[in-house]
Structures are given as structure tokens and as C-alpha cells.
């Protein structure tokens, strides 16, 4: 015969932390809702010869450029 193992239900805070960990990869940025902020370090594109605005996401550090 096998041993009987008692089942212990996790607490509410432990369940909340577990849900938070599983959703970590599925954040707003992965669904296209970035928080864009203008990055003022790079303003001139040598290849195009124009002024560009570099936008950087504060959550995931993704970048996009737009012409000014």
C-alpha cells in the first residue's frame, strides 16, 4: 500500500503570486499596448540624413522611429 498524503490548499496570497508569475510573459506590451516615451539621445539618422524621433517603451525597452 502507498502512503496517504494530506492535501494542503495554498493561501490566497500564494495563489495571487502564482497567477502573477504565469501572466508575466503576457503583459500589455506583448498585446501591443506600449508606453512610448521620446528618447532624446539619438535625434539624427546618418543613413537618411534627416532628423528622427526615437520612441522607447518604458516597460519592455522596444524602440520605434518616426520622422520629425
N, C-alpha and C. Protein backbone atom coordinates (compact mmCIF):
# COMPACT_ATOMS: atom_id res chain seq x y z
N UNK A 1 0.84 -1.18 0.00
CA UNK A 1 0.00 0.00 0.00
C UNK A 1 0.88 1.25 0.00
N UNK A 2 0.35 2.34 -0.53
CA UNK A 2 1.08 3.60 -0.58
C UNK A 2 0.78 4.46 0.63
N UNK A 3 1.57 5.45 0.79
CA UNK A 3 1.36 6.40 1.88
C UNK A 3 0.25 7.38 1.52
N UNK A 4 -0.49 7.83 2.50
CA UNK A 4 -1.54 8.82 2.31
C UNK A 4 -0.92 10.21 2.48
N UNK A 5 -1.09 11.04 1.47
CA UNK A 5 -0.53 12.39 1.51
C UNK A 5 -1.67 13.37 1.73
N UNK A 6 -1.52 14.23 2.71
CA UNK A 6 -2.54 15.21 3.02
C UNK A 6 -2.42 16.37 2.04
N UNK A 7 -3.54 16.78 1.46
CA UNK A 7 -3.57 17.90 0.53
C UNK A 7 -3.76 19.20 1.30
N UNK A 8 -2.87 20.16 1.07
CA UNK A 8 -2.96 21.45 1.73
C UNK A 8 -3.26 22.49 0.66
N UNK A 9 -4.36 23.18 0.84
CA UNK A 9 -4.75 24.21 -0.12
C UNK A 9 -3.86 25.44 0.07
N UNK A 10 -3.31 26.01 -1.02
CA UNK A 10 -2.47 27.20 -0.89
C UNK A 10 -3.30 28.41 -0.46
N UNK A 11 -2.65 29.34 0.19
CA UNK A 11 -3.36 30.53 0.67
C UNK A 11 -3.72 31.45 -0.50
N UNK A 12 -4.54 32.44 -0.23
CA UNK A 12 -4.99 33.36 -1.27
C UNK A 12 -3.83 34.19 -1.81
N UNK A 13 -2.90 34.58 -0.95
CA UNK A 13 -1.77 35.37 -1.42
C UNK A 13 -0.83 34.54 -2.28
N UNK A 14 -0.69 33.27 -1.94
CA UNK A 14 0.15 32.39 -2.76
C UNK A 14 -0.48 32.17 -4.14
N UNK A 15 -1.80 32.05 -4.19
CA UNK A 15 -2.48 31.91 -5.48
C UNK A 15 -2.33 33.17 -6.32
N UNK A 16 -2.41 34.33 -5.67
CA UNK A 16 -2.27 35.59 -6.38
C UNK A 16 -0.86 35.73 -6.96
N UNK A 17 0.15 35.35 -6.20
CA UNK A 17 1.53 35.40 -6.67
C UNK A 17 1.74 34.43 -7.83
N UNK A 18 1.14 33.25 -7.75
CA UNK A 18 1.27 32.27 -8.82
C UNK A 18 0.63 32.78 -10.11
N UNK A 19 -0.53 33.41 -10.00
CA UNK A 19 -1.19 33.98 -11.18
C UNK A 19 -0.36 35.11 -11.78
N UNK A 20 0.27 35.89 -10.91
CA UNK A 20 1.12 36.98 -11.37
C UNK A 20 2.33 36.46 -12.15
N UNK A 21 2.90 35.36 -11.67
CA UNK A 21 4.05 34.76 -12.36
C UNK A 21 3.67 34.17 -13.71
N UNK A 22 2.50 33.54 -13.80
CA UNK A 22 2.11 32.95 -15.08
C UNK A 22 1.75 34.02 -16.10
N UNK A 23 1.28 35.18 -15.68
CA UNK A 23 0.92 36.25 -16.60
C UNK A 23 2.09 37.16 -16.93
N UNK A 24 3.25 36.88 -16.39
CA UNK A 24 4.39 37.76 -16.58
C UNK A 24 4.77 37.93 -18.05
N UNK A 25 4.69 36.88 -18.84
CA UNK A 25 5.02 36.98 -20.25
C UNK A 25 3.92 37.58 -21.10
N UNK A 26 2.72 37.66 -20.58
CA UNK A 26 1.57 38.16 -21.34
C UNK A 26 1.17 39.54 -20.84
N UNK A 27 2.07 40.49 -20.94
CA UNK A 27 1.80 41.82 -20.41
C UNK A 27 1.15 42.70 -21.48
N UNK A 28 0.97 43.93 -21.14
CA UNK A 28 0.36 44.88 -22.07
C UNK A 28 1.20 45.05 -23.33
N UNK A 29 2.51 45.06 -23.18
CA UNK A 29 3.38 45.27 -24.33
C UNK A 29 3.27 44.13 -25.33
N UNK A 30 3.13 42.93 -24.88
CA UNK A 30 3.03 41.81 -25.82
C UNK A 30 1.72 41.85 -26.59
N UNK A 31 0.74 42.58 -26.09
CA UNK A 31 -0.53 42.73 -26.79
C UNK A 31 -0.61 44.02 -27.60
N UNK A 32 0.51 44.78 -27.64
CA UNK A 32 0.56 45.97 -28.48
C UNK A 32 0.29 47.27 -27.75
N UNK A 33 0.15 47.26 -26.44
CA UNK A 33 -0.14 48.47 -25.68
C UNK A 33 1.13 48.96 -24.99
N UNK A 34 2.04 49.53 -25.77
CA UNK A 34 3.30 50.01 -25.23
C UNK A 34 3.10 51.37 -24.57
N UNK A 35 4.05 51.75 -23.72
CA UNK A 35 4.07 53.08 -23.11
C UNK A 35 5.26 53.82 -23.73
N UNK A 36 5.00 54.55 -24.82
CA UNK A 36 6.08 55.19 -25.57
C UNK A 36 6.50 56.49 -24.92
N UNK A 37 7.82 56.69 -24.83
CA UNK A 37 8.43 57.92 -24.32
C UNK A 37 9.50 58.32 -25.32
N UNK A 38 9.62 59.62 -25.59
CA UNK A 38 10.62 60.09 -26.54
C UNK A 38 12.00 59.99 -25.92
N UNK A 39 12.92 59.35 -26.66
CA UNK A 39 14.31 59.22 -26.23
C UNK A 39 15.12 60.28 -26.95
N UNK A 40 15.66 61.23 -26.21
CA UNK A 40 16.32 62.40 -26.81
C UNK A 40 17.80 62.17 -27.11
N UNK A 41 18.33 60.99 -26.87
CA UNK A 41 19.76 60.77 -27.10
C UNK A 41 20.12 60.74 -28.58
N UNK A 42 19.29 60.12 -29.40
CA UNK A 42 19.59 59.99 -30.82
C UNK A 42 18.53 60.74 -31.61
N UNK A 43 18.94 61.85 -32.27
CA UNK A 43 17.97 62.66 -32.99
C UNK A 43 18.27 62.78 -34.47
N UNK A 44 19.43 62.33 -34.93
CA UNK A 44 19.79 62.47 -36.33
C UNK A 44 20.16 61.12 -36.90
N UNK A 45 19.54 60.76 -38.01
CA UNK A 45 19.83 59.49 -38.67
C UNK A 45 20.81 59.75 -39.81
N UNK A 46 21.98 59.16 -39.73
CA UNK A 46 23.03 59.40 -40.72
C UNK A 46 22.65 58.79 -42.07
N UNK A 47 22.02 57.63 -42.07
CA UNK A 47 21.69 56.96 -43.32
C UNK A 47 20.65 57.73 -44.12
N UNK A 48 19.64 58.26 -43.45
CA UNK A 48 18.60 59.01 -44.14
C UNK A 48 18.96 60.48 -44.28
N UNK A 49 19.83 60.98 -43.42
CA UNK A 49 20.19 62.39 -43.44
C UNK A 49 19.09 63.29 -42.93
N UNK A 50 18.27 62.80 -42.04
CA UNK A 50 17.14 63.57 -41.51
C UNK A 50 17.10 63.51 -39.99
N UNK A 51 16.33 64.42 -39.45
CA UNK A 51 16.04 64.36 -38.02
C UNK A 51 14.96 63.31 -37.79
N UNK A 52 15.15 62.47 -36.82
CA UNK A 52 14.16 61.45 -36.47
C UNK A 52 13.89 61.51 -34.98
N UNK A 53 12.74 61.03 -34.60
CA UNK A 53 12.39 60.94 -33.19
C UNK A 53 12.41 59.46 -32.81
N UNK A 54 13.16 59.13 -31.79
CA UNK A 54 13.25 57.76 -31.32
C UNK A 54 12.33 57.59 -30.12
N UNK A 55 11.37 56.69 -30.25
CA UNK A 55 10.44 56.39 -29.17
C UNK A 55 10.87 55.08 -28.53
N UNK A 56 10.90 55.03 -27.19
CA UNK A 56 11.29 53.84 -26.46
C UNK A 56 10.20 53.50 -25.45
N UNK A 57 9.84 52.22 -25.37
CA UNK A 57 8.84 51.77 -24.42
C UNK A 57 9.48 51.67 -23.03
N UNK A 58 8.82 52.22 -22.03
CA UNK A 58 9.37 52.21 -20.68
C UNK A 58 9.25 50.84 -20.03
N UNK A 59 8.30 50.02 -20.50
CA UNK A 59 8.12 48.70 -19.89
C UNK A 59 9.07 47.66 -20.46
N UNK A 60 9.17 47.58 -21.80
CA UNK A 60 9.92 46.48 -22.41
C UNK A 60 11.12 46.94 -23.22
N UNK A 61 11.39 48.24 -23.30
CA UNK A 61 12.53 48.83 -24.00
C UNK A 61 12.49 48.59 -25.50
N UNK A 62 11.33 48.38 -26.09
CA UNK A 62 11.20 48.30 -27.54
C UNK A 62 11.35 49.70 -28.11
N UNK A 63 11.82 49.80 -29.35
CA UNK A 63 12.02 51.12 -29.97
C UNK A 63 11.29 51.21 -31.28
N UNK A 64 10.91 52.45 -31.63
CA UNK A 64 10.36 52.75 -32.94
C UNK A 64 10.81 54.16 -33.30
N UNK A 65 10.94 54.44 -34.56
CA UNK A 65 11.38 55.76 -35.01
C UNK A 65 10.30 56.39 -35.86
N UNK A 66 10.27 57.71 -35.85
CA UNK A 66 9.37 58.45 -36.70
C UNK A 66 10.09 59.72 -37.14
N UNK A 67 9.75 60.19 -38.32
CA UNK A 67 10.36 61.41 -38.84
C UNK A 67 9.74 62.62 -38.18
N UNK A 68 10.58 63.62 -37.90
CA UNK A 68 10.06 64.85 -37.29
C UNK A 68 9.85 65.93 -38.29
